[in-house]
Each structure stands twice: as structure tokens, then as C-alpha cells.
C-alpha atoms as a PDB file:
ATOM      1  CA  LYS A   1     318.838 -14.136  24.065  1.00  0.00           C
ATOM      2  CA  GLN A   2     317.039 -11.915  21.550  1.00  0.00           C
ATOM      3  CA  TRP A   3     318.330  -8.364  21.079  1.00  0.00           C
ATOM      4  CA  TYR A   4     315.281  -7.311  19.150  1.00  0.00           C
ATOM      5  CA  GLN A   5     311.539  -7.497  19.752  1.00  0.00           C
ATOM      6  CA  ARG A   6     309.230  -9.288  17.378  1.00  0.00           C
ATOM      7  CA  ARG A   7     306.928  -6.942  15.604  1.00  0.00           C
ATOM      8  CA  VAL A   8     303.153  -7.378  15.927  1.00  0.00           C
ATOM      9  CA  ARG A   9     300.781  -6.456  13.198  1.00  0.00           C
ATOM     10  CA  GLY A  10     298.230  -3.867  14.030  1.00  0.00           C
ATOM     11  CA  VAL A  11     295.682  -5.142  11.540  1.00  0.00           C
ATOM     12  CA  SER A  12     294.498  -8.749  11.029  1.00  0.00           C
ATOM     13  CA  GLN A  13     294.409 -10.467   7.639  1.00  0.00           C
ATOM     14  CA  GLU A  14     290.609 -10.493   7.753  1.00  0.00           C
ATOM     15  CA  GLU A  15     290.466  -6.714   8.311  1.00  0.00           C
ATOM     16  CA  MET A  16     292.981  -6.105   5.450  1.00  0.00           C
ATOM     17  CA  HIS A  17     290.853  -8.380   3.213  1.00  0.00           C
ATOM     18  CA  ARG A  18     287.685  -6.542   4.169  1.00  0.00           C
ATOM     19  CA  GLN A  19     289.323  -3.139   3.482  1.00  0.00           C
ATOM     20  CA  LYS A  20     290.652  -4.546   0.142  1.00  0.00           C
ATOM     21  CA  VAL A  21     294.229  -3.545   0.902  1.00  0.00           C
ATOM     22  CA  PRO A  22     296.504  -4.545  -2.025  1.00  0.00           C
ATOM     23  CA  LEU A  23     298.930  -7.329  -1.186  1.00  0.00           C
ATOM     24  CA  TYR A  24     301.902  -5.026  -1.576  1.00  0.00           C
ATOM     25  CA  PHE A  25     300.745  -2.893   1.322  1.00  0.00           C
ATOM     26  CA  ARG A  26     299.839  -5.752   3.682  1.00  0.00           C
ATOM     27  CA  ASP A  27     302.725  -5.297   6.055  1.00  0.00           C
ATOM     28  CA  TYR A  28     303.336  -3.874   9.575  1.00  0.00           C
ATOM     29  CA  CYS A  29     302.170  -0.436   8.486  1.00  0.00           C
ATOM     30  CA  ALA A  30     298.737  -1.321   7.156  1.00  0.00           C
ATOM     31  CA  HIS A  31     297.222   0.320  10.235  1.00  0.00           C
ATOM     32  CA  TRP A  32     298.401   3.593   8.657  1.00  0.00           C
ATOM     33  CA  PHE A  33     297.696   2.775   5.026  1.00  0.00           C
ATOM     34  CA  ILE A  34     293.969   1.932   5.538  1.00  0.00           C
ATOM     35  CA  PRO A  35     292.946   5.351   7.059  1.00  0.00           C
ATOM     36  CA  TRP A  36     295.082   7.119   4.487  1.00  0.00           C
ATOM     37  CA  ARG A  37     293.492   5.347   1.621  1.00  0.00           C
ATOM     38  CA  ASN A  38     289.997   5.844   3.071  1.00  0.00           C
ATOM     39  CA  CYS A  39     290.735   9.558   3.574  1.00  0.00           C
ATOM     40  CA  LEU A  40     291.757   9.814  -0.106  1.00  0.00           C
ATOM     41  CA  ALA A  41     288.608   7.968  -1.185  1.00  0.00           C
ATOM     42  CA  ASP A  42     286.363  10.203   0.948  1.00  0.00           C
ATOM     43  CA  ASN A  43     287.867  13.297  -0.616  1.00  0.00           C
ATOM     44  CA  GLY A  44     287.771  12.026  -4.181  1.00  0.00           C
ATOM     45  CA  PHE A  45     291.485  11.271  -4.646  1.00  0.00           C
ATOM     46  CA  THR A  46     292.081  14.918  -5.399  1.00  0.00           C
ATOM     47  CA  ARG A  47     295.472  16.611  -5.227  1.00  0.00           C
ATOM     48  CA  LYS A  48     294.355  18.694  -2.260  1.00  0.00           C
ATOM     49  CA  ALA A  49     293.377  15.468  -0.484  1.00  0.00           C
ATOM     50  CA  GLY A  50     296.740  13.951  -1.204  1.00  0.00           C
ATOM     51  CA  ASN A  51     298.806  16.973  -0.175  1.00  0.00           C
ATOM     52  CA  GLU A  52     296.831  18.677   2.604  1.00  0.00           C
ATOM     53  CA  ILE A  53     293.821  16.883   3.986  1.00  0.00           C
ATOM     54  CA  CYS A  54     295.283  13.354   4.316  1.00  0.00           C
ATOM     55  CA  ALA A  55     298.875  14.444   4.913  1.00  0.00           C
ATOM     56  CA  GLN A  56     298.911  13.244   8.494  1.00  0.00           C
ATOM     57  CA  TRP A  57     298.012   9.676   7.452  1.00  0.00           C
ATOM     58  CA  LYS A  58     300.529   9.672   4.677  1.00  0.00           C
ATOM     59  CA  HIS A  59     303.248  10.992   7.013  1.00  0.00           C
ATOM     60  CA  GLY A  60     302.386   8.382   9.569  1.00  0.00           C
ATOM     61  CA  TRP A  61     302.592   5.644   6.953  1.00  0.00           C
ATOM     62  CA  ASN A  62     305.931   6.875   5.661  1.00  0.00           C
ATOM     63  CA  MET A  63     307.393   7.072   9.140  1.00  0.00           C
ATOM     64  CA  CYS A  64     306.109   3.552   9.930  1.00  0.00           C
ATOM     65  CA  GLN A  65     307.815   2.268   6.704  1.00  0.00           C
ATOM     66  CA  ILE A  66     311.081   3.852   7.725  1.00  0.00           C
ATOM     67  CA  ARG A  67     310.807   2.435  11.238  1.00  0.00           C
ATOM     68  CA  SER A  68     309.986  -0.957   9.830  1.00  0.00           C
ATOM     69  CA  ASP A  69     313.096  -0.854   7.563  1.00  0.00           C
ATOM     70  CA  LEU A  70     315.280   0.168  10.450  1.00  0.00           C
ATOM     71  CA  ASP A  71     313.888  -2.577  12.606  1.00  0.00           C
ATOM     72  CA  SER A  72     314.618  -5.159   9.953  1.00  0.00           C
ATOM     73  CA  ILE A  73     318.167  -3.902   9.647  1.00  0.00           C
ATOM     74  CA  ALA A  74     318.626  -4.138  13.412  1.00  0.00           C
ATOM     75  CA  GLU A  75     317.198  -7.692  13.398  1.00  0.00           C
ATOM     76  CA  LYS A  76     319.619  -8.654  10.636  1.00  0.00           C
ATOM     77  CA  LYS A  77     322.543  -7.234  12.611  1.00  0.00           C
ATOM     78  CA  CYS A  78     321.517  -9.116  15.710  1.00  0.00           C
ATOM     79  CA  LEU A  79     321.199 -12.362  13.815  1.00  0.00           C
ATOM     80  CA  LYS A  80     324.616 -11.818  12.267  1.00  0.00           C
ATOM     81  CA  LYS A  81     326.073 -11.180  15.716  1.00  0.00           C
ATOM     82  CA  GLN A  82     324.581 -14.446  16.981  1.00  0.00           C
ATOM     83  CA  GLY A  83     325.741 -16.308  13.910  1.00  0.00           C
ATOM     84  CA  LEU A  84     322.267 -17.201  12.778  1.00  0.00           C
ATOM     85  CA  TRP A  85     322.086 -15.148   9.632  1.00  0.00           C
ATOM     86  CA  ARG A  86     322.280 -17.410   6.544  1.00  0.00           C
ATOM     87  CA  VAL A  87     323.414 -20.433   8.455  1.00  0.00           C
ATOM     88  CA  VAL A  88     322.790 -22.548   5.382  1.00  0.00           C
ATOM     89  CA  PRO A  89     325.021 -21.270   2.531  1.00  0.00           C
ATOM     90  CA  PHE A  90     323.266 -20.489  -0.716  1.00  0.00           C
ATOM     91  CA  SER A  91     323.899 -23.079  -3.451  1.00  0.00           C
ATOM     92  CA  ALA A  92     323.212 -22.232  -7.077  1.00  0.00           C
ATOM     93  CA  GLU A  93     323.805 -25.792  -8.232  1.00  0.00           C
ATOM     94  CA  ILE A  94     320.111 -26.640  -8.145  1.00  0.00           C
ATOM     95  CA  PHE A  95     319.304 -23.695 -10.330  1.00  0.00           C
ATOM     96  CA  ASP A  96     322.148 -24.504 -12.705  1.00  0.00           C
ATOM     97  CA  GLU A  97     320.839 -28.062 -13.233  1.00  0.00           C
ATOM     98  CA  LYS A  98     317.341 -26.678 -13.917  1.00  0.00           C
ATOM     99  CA  ARG A  99     318.698 -24.092 -16.352  1.00  0.00           C
ATOM    100  CA  ASP A 100     320.675 -26.794 -18.160  1.00  0.00           C
ATOM    101  CA  GLN A 101     317.536 -28.898 -18.513  1.00  0.00           C
ATOM    102  CA  LEU A 102     315.510 -25.988 -19.856  1.00  0.00           C
ATOM    103  CA  MET A 103     318.185 -24.775 -22.226  1.00  0.00           C
ATOM    104  CA  THR A 104     318.758 -28.004 -24.139  1.00  0.00           C
ATOM    105  CA  ASN A 105     318.701 -27.670 -27.894  1.00  0.00           C
ATOM    106  CA  ASP A 106     315.835 -30.088 -28.539  1.00  0.00           C
ATOM    107  CA  ASN A 107     313.011 -28.213 -26.723  1.00  0.00           C
ATOM    108  CA  GLY A 108     312.480 -25.721 -29.595  1.00  0.00           C
ATOM    109  CA  PHE A 109     312.976 -22.559 -27.569  1.00  0.00           C
ATOM    110  CA  GLN A 110     315.821 -20.067 -27.252  1.00  0.00           C
ATOM    111  CA  PHE A 111     316.547 -18.747 -23.802  1.00  0.00           C
ATOM    112  CA  GLY A 112     318.400 -15.673 -22.665  1.00  0.00           C
ATOM    113  CA  TYR A 113     318.164 -12.476 -20.617  1.00  0.00           C
ATOM    114  CA  ASP A 114     317.398  -8.918 -21.518  1.00  0.00           C
ATOM    115  CA  ARG A 115     319.229  -5.806 -20.213  1.00  0.00           C
ATOM    116  CA  MET A 116     317.090  -5.723 -17.016  1.00  0.00           C
ATOM    117  CA  GLY A 117     317.888  -9.372 -16.235  1.00  0.00           C
ATOM    118  CA  ARG A 118     314.454 -10.639 -17.011  1.00  0.00           C
ATOM    119  CA  PRO A 119     314.322 -14.083 -18.624  1.00  0.00           C
ATOM    120  CA  LEU A 120     313.394 -14.298 -22.295  1.00  0.00           C
ATOM    121  CA  ARG A 121     311.775 -17.302 -23.939  1.00  0.00           C
ATOM    122  CA  ARG A 122     311.482 -17.081 -27.682  1.00  0.00           C
ATOM    123  CA  LYS A 123     310.843 -19.612 -30.514  1.00  0.00           C
ATOM    124  CA  LYS A 124     314.097 -20.588 -32.197  1.00  0.00           C
ATOM    125  CA  MET A 125     314.505 -19.373 -35.723  1.00  0.00           C
ATOM    126  CA  ASP A 126     314.835 -22.242 -38.106  1.00  0.00           C
ATOM    127  CA  LEU A 127     318.396 -21.758 -39.415  1.00  0.00           C
ATOM    128  CA  GLU A 128     317.808 -24.219 -42.273  1.00  0.00           C
ATOM    129  CA  ALA A 129     314.858 -22.181 -43.595  1.00  0.00           C
ATOM    130  CA  GLU A 130     316.941 -19.019 -43.630  1.00  0.00           C
ATOM    131  CA  ALA A 131     319.874 -20.692 -45.543  1.00  0.00           C
END
């Protein structure tokens, strides 16, 4: 028994492609994003268009995003209640093996992570040349 309803997209992939919707905005709220962006384009992307003229579309899109987030939280809760959330436990062993293969000393690169957690891949400094 499902406690939540499946969401249906209001806009097809073909329509989003035709309207040139960026991939980041191709979600369940694209039916609000397309008229908002078209309204902004019709009014020259001015500040008045963003704040006054197209405010109804922006507000609708924001409310749709909030509703979509709440729906996904409710879906997660229902799946947890049914015991179907993350049935297969996450295993990092696969990634550890791949990391060990990449970080061997003979490949000529130095690996690490910066403060934001992004991977770094730099050429190793030749220690013998410095000495």
C-alpha cells in the first residue's frame, strides 16, 4: 500500500527541450518556470520585471519547489515506515579499492582534497630534483 501519490510532470521532455529549459530546472515545477522565464524575456530581464510584473510566476515556482520538497520528504518517511528506504546498505569498499588504485605511487600524480572536499590531481614534485 502506498501512502503517497506519484507526482506527474506537467511538461514533457520535448516541450522543455523546445523551450530551452536548463537541465537544473527540468523538474516537477517546470510548468511554472517556463512562463516565468518567458515573462522575464518579454520584459527585457529588467528589475521591474523580476520584482513586479512576473512576480506571480516566480511565486508560483517557489511554492511548487517547496511543495515538491515536502512531497519528497513525505515519500521518504513512508518508505522508511515500510522498510524500503535504503534496503541495500551503502558500501564504500568499492570506492576504497578504486582510490587505492588511483593513488599508487607509480602513476606520477599526487592526489588529495581541498577545503571544500573537491578532489585535487596535481603532478608530483620531483623530490630528487629539489634535493
